[in-house]
Amino acid sequence: MTADIGAPLDETYRLVAKTVQEHGISTPAIADVLDALGITNRVLDSRLHRLSGDYRIFFGTAYTVSWVAVRKGPSIVAASPSTWQEVRDFLVPQVVDGRGMVYVAGSGPLVTDAALAGGLSTTYLLERLRFEGIVLGGAIRDRDVVAQSTRPVIASNYVPTDTQGAYRVESAGGTCLINHVLVHTGDWVFSDGNGTVVVPAARLHEVLAAATATGRTEQDVLRRIRAGERLPDVIDEVGTI
């Protein structure tokens, strides 16, 4: 890995921010577009919800950390592979500025019985490295610290148990799996009060353009409903809901 990963707040991020703000793009609109384009398995598990910050949409390119459960090796007296030296990369030493990026960690099925992060690590990632937000494929701990953050943290639940001794970092800056969704570093993550979706980097502009059109249609439908038109009639005309 090289130092100074990413191009914080680059022109693409600014373009995305402008598009989201001007057209009120939401995760439902993006999910609809992904479905229409045949891009499947892009919506994260509904059990993942926001634990800090407000419910406004946030977004950025994913920086992924993949965790795996620890299994015993050939020697029962060998040191555990989940000690600090082996797991320290979850604090992403390759990243010096996380602006424009979303920290995403997962281990396949949701890890609900051990915390993939806690108060110290979230404070470091959000306040020191300035990630736009954190998305965990499982649990977190230290509710009092996490809940005070003004930046968004997405996780399944709080739990007092650490991952120490039970999980190790398989890779950082590559891919991670959250249930059936494979997230690549560089994919675009969008999250709001409805949930979290992941857009492949190569399809970003296509998805945003279609989501913008969808948003315009939905706003027009809302306007017509409020003006007294019947929703079934409007849907028959526009062909979407």
C-alpha atoms as a PDB file:
ATOM      1  CA  MET A   1       0.000   0.000   0.000  1.00  0.00           C
ATOM      2  CA  THR A   2       1.142   3.545  -0.605  1.00  0.00           C
ATOM      3  CA  ALA A   3       0.836   6.491   1.735  1.00  0.00           C
ATOM      4  CA  ASP A   4      -1.791   9.201   1.371  1.00  0.00           C
ATOM      5  CA  ILE A   5      -4.521   6.922   0.039  1.00  0.00           C
ATOM      6  CA  GLY A   6      -7.252   8.667  -1.943  1.00  0.00           C
ATOM      7  CA  ALA A   7      -7.749  12.206  -3.158  1.00  0.00           C
ATOM      8  CA  PRO A   8      -9.737  13.830  -0.319  1.00  0.00           C
ATOM      9  CA  LEU A   9     -12.584  16.042  -1.460  1.00  0.00           C
ATOM     10  CA  ASP A  10     -11.580  15.810  -5.119  1.00  0.00           C
ATOM     11  CA  GLU A  11     -13.598  17.081  -8.075  1.00  0.00           C
ATOM     12  CA  THR A  12     -15.706  13.925  -8.264  1.00  0.00           C
ATOM     13  CA  TYR A  13     -16.727  14.299  -4.625  1.00  0.00           C
ATOM     14  CA  ARG A  14     -17.631  17.937  -5.201  1.00  0.00           C
ATOM     15  CA  LEU A  15     -19.718  16.961  -8.226  1.00  0.00           C
ATOM     16  CA  VAL A  16     -21.539  14.292  -6.218  1.00  0.00           C
ATOM     17  CA  ALA A  17     -22.177  16.743  -3.375  1.00  0.00           C
ATOM     18  CA  LYS A  18     -23.569  19.334  -5.784  1.00  0.00           C
ATOM     19  CA  THR A  19     -25.832  16.773  -7.465  1.00  0.00           C
ATOM     20  CA  VAL A  20     -27.140  15.357  -4.175  1.00  0.00           C
ATOM     21  CA  GLN A  21     -27.843  18.807  -2.766  1.00  0.00           C
ATOM     22  CA  GLU A  22     -29.469  20.309  -5.855  1.00  0.00           C
ATOM     23  CA  HIS A  23     -31.667  17.324  -6.684  1.00  0.00           C
ATOM     24  CA  GLY A  24     -32.390  15.923  -3.224  1.00  0.00           C
ATOM     25  CA  ILE A  25     -31.105  12.464  -4.139  1.00  0.00           C
ATOM     26  CA  SER A  26     -31.945   9.790  -1.560  1.00  0.00           C
ATOM     27  CA  THR A  27     -30.996   6.149  -1.046  1.00  0.00           C
ATOM     28  CA  PRO A  28     -34.445   4.933  -2.238  1.00  0.00           C
ATOM     29  CA  ALA A  29     -33.898   6.745  -5.544  1.00  0.00           C
ATOM     30  CA  ILE A  30     -30.436   5.214  -5.874  1.00  0.00           C
ATOM     31  CA  ALA A  31     -31.752   1.745  -4.976  1.00  0.00           C
ATOM     32  CA  ASP A  32     -34.457   2.054  -7.643  1.00  0.00           C
ATOM     33  CA  VAL A  33     -31.873   3.041 -10.235  1.00  0.00           C
ATOM     34  CA  LEU A  34     -29.578   0.160  -9.303  1.00  0.00           C
ATOM     35  CA  ASP A  35     -32.496  -2.242  -9.700  1.00  0.00           C
ATOM     36  CA  ALA A  36     -33.390  -0.765 -13.082  1.00  0.00           C
ATOM     37  CA  LEU A  37     -29.801  -1.126 -14.266  1.00  0.00           C
ATOM     38  CA  GLY A  38     -29.589  -4.720 -13.073  1.00  0.00           C
ATOM     39  CA  ILE A  39     -26.969  -3.918 -10.433  1.00  0.00           C
ATOM     40  CA  THR A  40     -27.894  -6.281  -7.600  1.00  0.00           C
ATOM     41  CA  ASN A  41     -26.779  -6.880  -4.006  1.00  0.00           C
ATOM     42  CA  ARG A  42     -25.975  -3.232  -3.326  1.00  0.00           C
ATOM     43  CA  VAL A  43     -28.238  -2.426  -0.357  1.00  0.00           C
ATOM     44  CA  LEU A  44     -26.791  -3.161   3.080  1.00  0.00           C
ATOM     45  CA  ASP A  45     -28.650  -5.163   5.734  1.00  0.00           C
ATOM     46  CA  SER A  46     -31.591  -3.231   7.220  1.00  0.00           C
ATOM     47  CA  ARG A  47     -30.356  -4.085  10.724  1.00  0.00           C
ATOM     48  CA  LEU A  48     -27.557  -1.572  10.202  1.00  0.00           C
ATOM     49  CA  HIS A  49     -28.768   1.801  11.430  1.00  0.00           C
ATOM     50  CA  ARG A  50     -27.422   5.196  12.406  1.00  0.00           C
ATOM     51  CA  LEU A  51     -26.119   5.548  15.950  1.00  0.00           C
ATOM     52  CA  SER A  52     -24.760   9.101  15.795  1.00  0.00           C
ATOM     53  CA  GLY A  53     -25.201  12.310  13.852  1.00  0.00           C
ATOM     54  CA  ASP A  54     -28.486  13.243  12.201  1.00  0.00           C
ATOM     55  CA  TYR A  55     -30.307  11.466   9.371  1.00  0.00           C
ATOM     56  CA  ARG A  56     -29.125  13.642   6.521  1.00  0.00           C
ATOM     57  CA  ILE A  57     -27.521  11.777   3.655  1.00  0.00           C
ATOM     58  CA  PHE A  58     -23.769  11.300   3.736  1.00  0.00           C
ATOM     59  CA  PHE A  59     -21.556   9.744   1.088  1.00  0.00           C
ATOM     60  CA  GLY A  60     -18.012   9.106  -0.009  1.00  0.00           C
ATOM     61  CA  THR A  61     -15.712   6.507  -1.485  1.00  0.00           C
ATOM     62  CA  ALA A  62     -15.365   3.356   0.586  1.00  0.00           C
ATOM     63  CA  TYR A  63     -12.170   2.452   2.385  1.00  0.00           C
ATOM     64  CA  THR A  64     -12.658  -1.155   3.416  1.00  0.00           C
ATOM     65  CA  VAL A  65     -11.366  -3.305   6.260  1.00  0.00           C
ATOM     66  CA  SER A  66     -12.062  -7.034   6.130  1.00  0.00           C
ATOM     67  CA  TRP A  67     -12.272  -9.011   9.371  1.00  0.00           C
ATOM     68  CA  VAL A  68     -12.259 -12.811   9.667  1.00  0.00           C
ATOM     69  CA  ALA A  69     -12.938 -15.100  12.598  1.00  0.00           C
ATOM     70  CA  VAL A  70      -9.862 -16.602  14.222  1.00  0.00           C
ATOM     71  CA  ARG A  71      -9.387 -20.342  13.954  1.00  0.00           C
ATOM     72  CA  LYS A  72      -6.773 -22.375  15.734  1.00  0.00           C
ATOM     73  CA  GLY A  73      -3.672 -23.200  13.705  1.00  0.00           C
ATOM     74  CA  PRO A  74      -1.616 -26.381  13.567  1.00  0.00           C
ATOM     75  CA  SER A  75      -0.055 -25.632  16.963  1.00  0.00           C
ATOM     76  CA  ILE A  76      -2.219 -25.176  20.046  1.00  0.00           C
ATOM     77  CA  VAL A  77       0.642 -23.407  21.844  1.00  0.00           C
ATOM     78  CA  ALA A  78       1.284 -20.819  19.123  1.00  0.00           C
ATOM     79  CA  ALA A  79       0.450 -17.157  19.799  1.00  0.00           C
ATOM     80  CA  SER A  80      -3.037 -15.979  18.869  1.00  0.00           C
ATOM     81  CA  PRO A  81      -3.299 -14.358  15.404  1.00  0.00           C
ATOM     82  CA  SER A  82      -5.602 -11.654  16.759  1.00  0.00           C
ATOM     83  CA  THR A  83      -3.186  -9.729  18.970  1.00  0.00           C
ATOM     84  CA  TRP A  84      -2.512  -6.008  18.470  1.00  0.00           C
ATOM     85  CA  GLN A  85       0.253  -6.377  15.884  1.00  0.00           C
ATOM     86  CA  GLU A  86      -2.077  -8.398  13.663  1.00  0.00           C
ATOM     87  CA  VAL A  87      -5.203  -6.223  14.017  1.00  0.00           C
ATOM     88  CA  ARG A  88      -3.716  -2.731  14.169  1.00  0.00           C
ATOM     89  CA  ASP A  89      -4.364  -2.146  10.446  1.00  0.00           C
ATOM     90  CA  PHE A  90      -8.066  -1.610  11.198  1.00  0.00           C
ATOM     91  CA  LEU A  91      -6.900   1.909  12.096  1.00  0.00           C
ATOM     92  CA  VAL A  92      -5.835   2.320   8.440  1.00  0.00           C
ATOM     93  CA  PRO A  93      -2.243   3.568   8.704  1.00  0.00           C
ATOM     94  CA  GLN A  94      -2.292   4.130   4.925  1.00  0.00           C
ATOM     95  CA  VAL A  95      -4.830   6.947   5.304  1.00  0.00           C
ATOM     96  CA  VAL A  96      -3.723  10.353   6.528  1.00  0.00           C
ATOM     97  CA  ASP A  97      -6.816  12.277   5.423  1.00  0.00           C
ATOM     98  CA  GLY A  98     -10.186  10.541   5.202  1.00  0.00           C
ATOM     99  CA  ARG A  99     -12.183  13.474   3.855  1.00  0.00           C
ATOM    100  CA  GLY A 100     -14.421  12.328   1.033  1.00  0.00           C
ATOM    101  CA  MET A 101     -14.149   8.727   2.230  1.00  0.00           C
ATOM    102  CA  VAL A 102     -16.345   6.354   4.242  1.00  0.00           C
ATOM    103  CA  TYR A 103     -14.778   3.746   6.532  1.00  0.00           C
ATOM    104  CA  VAL A 104     -16.434   0.370   5.866  1.00  0.00           C
ATOM    105  CA  ALA A 105     -15.689  -2.789   7.857  1.00  0.00           C
ATOM    106  CA  GLY A 106     -17.216  -6.230   7.574  1.00  0.00           C
ATOM    107  CA  SER A 107     -16.734  -9.941   8.104  1.00  0.00           C
ATOM    108  CA  GLY A 108     -19.399 -11.569   5.967  1.00  0.00           C
ATOM    109  CA  PRO A 109     -22.417 -12.292   8.216  1.00  0.00           C
ATOM    110  CA  LEU A 110     -23.141  -9.449  10.647  1.00  0.00           C
ATOM    111  CA  VAL A 111     -20.882  -9.625  13.690  1.00  0.00           C
ATOM    112  CA  THR A 112     -23.357  -8.870  16.475  1.00  0.00           C
ATOM    113  CA  ASP A 113     -21.582 -10.513  19.423  1.00  0.00           C
ATOM    114  CA  ALA A 114     -18.295  -8.575  19.252  1.00  0.00           C
ATOM    115  CA  ALA A 115     -17.505  -4.948  18.440  1.00  0.00           C
ATOM    116  CA  LEU A 116     -15.760  -4.109  15.167  1.00  0.00           C
ATOM    117  CA  ALA A 117     -14.982  -0.661  16.604  1.00  0.00           C
ATOM    118  CA  GLY A 118     -15.377   1.334  19.798  1.00  0.00           C
ATOM    119  CA  GLY A 119     -15.258   4.833  21.164  1.00  0.00           C
ATOM    120  CA  LEU A 120     -11.503   5.345  20.818  1.00  0.00           C
ATOM    121  CA  SER A 121     -11.273   4.065  17.246  1.00  0.00           C
ATOM    122  CA  THR A 122     -14.377   5.920  16.028  1.00  0.00           C
ATOM    123  CA  THR A 123     -13.102   9.157  17.558  1.00  0.00           C
ATOM    124  CA  TYR A 124      -9.758   8.649  15.825  1.00  0.00           C
ATOM    125  CA  LEU A 125     -11.300   7.792  12.460  1.00  0.00           C
ATOM    126  CA  LEU A 126     -13.876  10.596  12.479  1.00  0.00           C
ATOM    127  CA  GLU A 127     -12.084  13.411  14.284  1.00  0.00           C
ATOM    128  CA  ARG A 128      -8.412  12.793  13.558  1.00  0.00           C
ATOM    129  CA  LEU A 129      -8.590  11.234  10.075  1.00  0.00           C
ATOM    130  CA  ARG A 130     -11.866  13.034   9.217  1.00  0.00           C
ATOM    131  CA  PHE A 131     -13.717  10.226   7.470  1.00  0.00           C
ATOM    132  CA  GLU A 132     -17.191  11.305   6.338  1.00  0.00           C
ATOM    133  CA  GLY A 133     -18.729   8.429   8.287  1.00  0.00           C
ATOM    134  CA  ILE A 134     -18.311   4.858   9.488  1.00  0.00           C
ATOM    135  CA  VAL A 135     -20.258   1.807   8.310  1.00  0.00           C
ATOM    136  CA  LEU A 136     -19.749  -1.394  10.305  1.00  0.00           C
ATOM    137  CA  GLY A 137     -21.057  -4.787   9.303  1.00  0.00           C
ATOM    138  CA  GLY A 138     -21.929  -5.557  12.875  1.00  0.00           C
ATOM    139  CA  ALA A 139     -21.632  -4.276  16.413  1.00  0.00           C
ATOM    140  CA  ILE A 140     -19.883  -1.402  18.132  1.00  0.00           C
ATOM    141  CA  ARG A 141     -19.252  -0.553  21.765  1.00  0.00           C
ATOM    142  CA  ASP A 142     -18.833   2.501  24.020  1.00  0.00           C
ATOM    143  CA  ARG A 143     -22.293   3.984  23.498  1.00  0.00           C
ATOM    144  CA  ASP A 144     -21.589   7.129  25.529  1.00  0.00           C
ATOM    145  CA  VAL A 145     -18.656   8.113  23.318  1.00  0.00           C
ATOM    146  CA  VAL A 146     -20.145   7.049  19.988  1.00  0.00           C
ATOM    147  CA  ALA A 147     -23.494   8.769  20.583  1.00  0.00           C
ATOM    148  CA  GLN A 148     -21.726  12.105  21.123  1.00  0.00           C
ATOM    149  CA  SER A 149     -20.182  12.104  17.664  1.00  0.00           C
ATOM    150  CA  THR A 150     -21.541  14.681  15.234  1.00  0.00           C
ATOM    151  CA  ARG A 151     -20.478  12.500  12.317  1.00  0.00           C
ATOM    152  CA  PRO A 152     -22.479   9.399  11.357  1.00  0.00           C
ATOM    153  CA  VAL A 153     -21.761   5.894  12.597  1.00  0.00           C
ATOM    154  CA  ILE A 154     -23.733   2.980  11.139  1.00  0.00           C
ATOM    155  CA  ALA A 155     -23.777  -0.343  13.025  1.00  0.00           C
ATOM    156  CA  SER A 156     -26.133  -3.143  14.050  1.00  0.00           C
ATOM    157  CA  ASN A 157     -26.043  -2.897  17.836  1.00  0.00           C
ATOM    158  CA  TYR A 158     -24.025  -2.092  20.914  1.00  0.00           C
ATOM    159  CA  VAL A 159     -22.190  -4.886  22.697  1.00  0.00           C
ATOM    160  CA  PRO A 160     -19.553  -4.774  25.466  1.00  0.00           C
ATOM    161  CA  THR A 161     -17.374  -7.525  23.965  1.00  0.00           C
ATOM    162  CA  ASP A 162     -14.263  -6.696  21.941  1.00  0.00           C
ATOM    163  CA  THR A 163     -13.094  -8.667  18.901  1.00  0.00           C
ATOM    164  CA  GLN A 164      -9.752  -9.333  20.614  1.00  0.00           C
ATOM    165  CA  GLY A 165      -8.979 -13.045  20.439  1.00  0.00           C
ATOM    166  CA  ALA A 166     -11.946 -13.810  18.194  1.00  0.00           C
ATOM    167  CA  TYR A 167     -11.302 -11.880  14.955  1.00  0.00           C
ATOM    168  CA  ARG A 168      -8.309 -10.610  12.996  1.00  0.00           C
ATOM    169  CA  VAL A 169      -7.872  -8.143  10.138  1.00  0.00           C
ATOM    170  CA  GLU A 170      -7.613 -10.013   6.849  1.00  0.00           C
ATOM    171  CA  SER A 171      -7.032  -6.946   4.672  1.00  0.00           C
ATOM    172  CA  ALA A 172      -7.329  -3.172   4.605  1.00  0.00           C
ATOM    173  CA  GLY A 173      -7.866  -1.122   1.473  1.00  0.00           C
ATOM    174  CA  GLY A 174      -9.127  -4.050  -0.617  1.00  0.00           C
ATOM    175  CA  THR A 175     -12.621  -5.439  -0.186  1.00  0.00           C
ATOM    176  CA  CYS A 176     -14.943  -6.439   2.620  1.00  0.00           C
ATOM    177  CA  LEU A 177     -18.149  -8.443   2.739  1.00  0.00           C
ATOM    178  CA  ILE A 178     -21.227  -7.334   4.684  1.00  0.00           C
ATOM    179  CA  ASN A 179     -23.665 -10.213   4.415  1.00  0.00           C
ATOM    180  CA  HIS A 180     -24.220 -10.598   0.650  1.00  0.00           C
ATOM    181  CA  VAL A 181     -22.789  -7.188  -0.324  1.00  0.00           C
ATOM    182  CA  LEU A 182     -19.170  -7.106  -1.449  1.00  0.00           C
ATOM    183  CA  VAL A 183     -17.736  -3.615  -1.037  1.00  0.00           C
ATOM    184  CA  HIS A 184     -14.591  -2.597  -2.890  1.00  0.00           C
ATOM    185  CA  THR A 185     -12.361   0.227  -1.767  1.00  0.00           C
ATOM    186  CA  GLY A 186     -13.287   3.054  -4.144  1.00  0.00           C
ATOM    187  CA  ASP A 187     -16.982   2.125  -4.418  1.00  0.00           C
ATOM    188  CA  TRP A 188     -19.368   4.936  -3.508  1.00  0.00           C
ATOM    189  CA  VAL A 189     -21.354   4.638  -0.284  1.00  0.00           C
ATOM    190  CA  PHE A 190     -24.575   6.626   0.239  1.00  0.00           C
ATOM    191  CA  SER A 191     -26.430   6.485   3.555  1.00  0.00           C
ATOM    192  CA  ASP A 192     -29.456   8.300   4.992  1.00  0.00           C
ATOM    193  CA  GLY A 193     -32.380   7.576   7.286  1.00  0.00           C
ATOM    194  CA  ASN A 194     -33.645   4.887   4.914  1.00  0.00           C
ATOM    195  CA  GLY A 195     -30.477   2.811   4.879  1.00  0.00           C
ATOM    196  CA  THR A 196     -27.174   2.414   3.083  1.00  0.00           C
ATOM    197  CA  VAL A 197     -26.440   1.603  -0.564  1.00  0.00           C
ATOM    198  CA  VAL A 198     -23.172   0.934  -2.370  1.00  0.00           C
ATOM    199  CA  VAL A 199     -22.617   2.073  -5.961  1.00  0.00           C
ATOM    200  CA  PRO A 200     -19.810   0.514  -8.034  1.00  0.00           C
ATOM    201  CA  ALA A 201     -17.252   3.193  -8.832  1.00  0.00           C
ATOM    202  CA  ALA A 202     -17.462   2.545 -12.577  1.00  0.00           C
ATOM    203  CA  ARG A 203     -21.243   3.166 -12.593  1.00  0.00           C
ATOM    204  CA  LEU A 204     -21.327   6.287 -10.398  1.00  0.00           C
ATOM    205  CA  HIS A 205     -22.090   8.917 -13.044  1.00  0.00           C
ATOM    206  CA  GLU A 206     -24.652   6.697 -14.766  1.00  0.00           C
ATOM    207  CA  VAL A 207     -26.426   6.042 -11.459  1.00  0.00           C
ATOM    208  CA  LEU A 208     -26.383   9.699 -10.419  1.00  0.00           C
ATOM    209  CA  ALA A 209     -27.788  10.841 -13.756  1.00  0.00           C
ATOM    210  CA  ALA A 210     -30.633   8.331 -13.538  1.00  0.00           C
ATOM    211  CA  ALA A 211     -31.274   9.126  -9.860  1.00  0.00           C
ATOM    212  CA  THR A 212     -31.505  12.815 -10.749  1.00  0.00           C
ATOM    213  CA  ALA A 213     -34.152  12.049 -13.363  1.00  0.00           C
ATOM    214  CA  THR A 214     -36.002   9.817 -10.898  1.00  0.00           C
ATOM    215  CA  GLY A 215     -35.933  12.574  -8.314  1.00  0.00           C
ATOM    216  CA  ARG A 216     -37.429  15.066 -10.742  1.00  0.00           C
ATOM    217  CA  THR A 217     -40.226  12.624 -11.599  1.00  0.00           C
ATOM    218  CA  GLU A 218     -40.996  11.960  -7.934  1.00  0.00           C
ATOM    219  CA  GLN A 219     -41.139  15.670  -7.136  1.00  0.00           C
ATOM    220  CA  ASP A 220     -43.546  16.183 -10.022  1.00  0.00           C
ATOM    221  CA  VAL A 221     -45.737  13.309  -8.785  1.00  0.00           C
ATOM    222  CA  LEU A 222     -45.790  14.794  -5.288  1.00  0.00           C
ATOM    223  CA  ARG A 223     -46.765  18.177  -6.688  1.00  0.00           C
ATOM    224  CA  ARG A 224     -49.627  16.662  -8.679  1.00  0.00           C
ATOM    225  CA  ILE A 225     -50.925  14.648  -5.713  1.00  0.00           C
ATOM    226  CA  ARG A 226     -50.939  17.752  -3.536  1.00  0.00           C
ATOM    227  CA  ALA A 227     -52.781  19.563  -6.316  1.00  0.00           C
ATOM    228  CA  GLY A 228     -55.577  17.000  -6.057  1.00  0.00           C
ATOM    229  CA  GLU A 229     -54.795  14.392  -8.704  1.00  0.00           C
ATOM    230  CA  ARG A 230     -55.336  10.683  -8.000  1.00  0.00           C
ATOM    231  CA  LEU A 231     -52.112   8.747  -7.430  1.00  0.00           C
ATOM    232  CA  PRO A 232     -53.149   5.699  -9.539  1.00  0.00           C
ATOM    233  CA  ASP A 233     -53.833   7.960 -12.513  1.00  0.00           C
ATOM    234  CA  VAL A 234     -50.499   9.748 -12.163  1.00  0.00           C
ATOM    235  CA  ILE A 235     -48.610   6.466 -11.835  1.00  0.00           C
ATOM    236  CA  ASP A 236     -50.340   5.114 -14.944  1.00  0.00           C
ATOM    237  CA  GLU A 237     -48.979   8.133 -16.788  1.00  0.00           C
ATOM    238  CA  VAL A 238     -45.414   8.320 -15.475  1.00  0.00           C
ATOM    239  CA  GLY A 239     -44.866   4.572 -15.086  1.00  0.00           C
ATOM    240  CA  THR A 240     -43.048   4.661 -11.763  1.00  0.00           C
ATOM    241  CA  ILE A 241     -43.723   4.779  -8.035  1.00  0.00           C
END
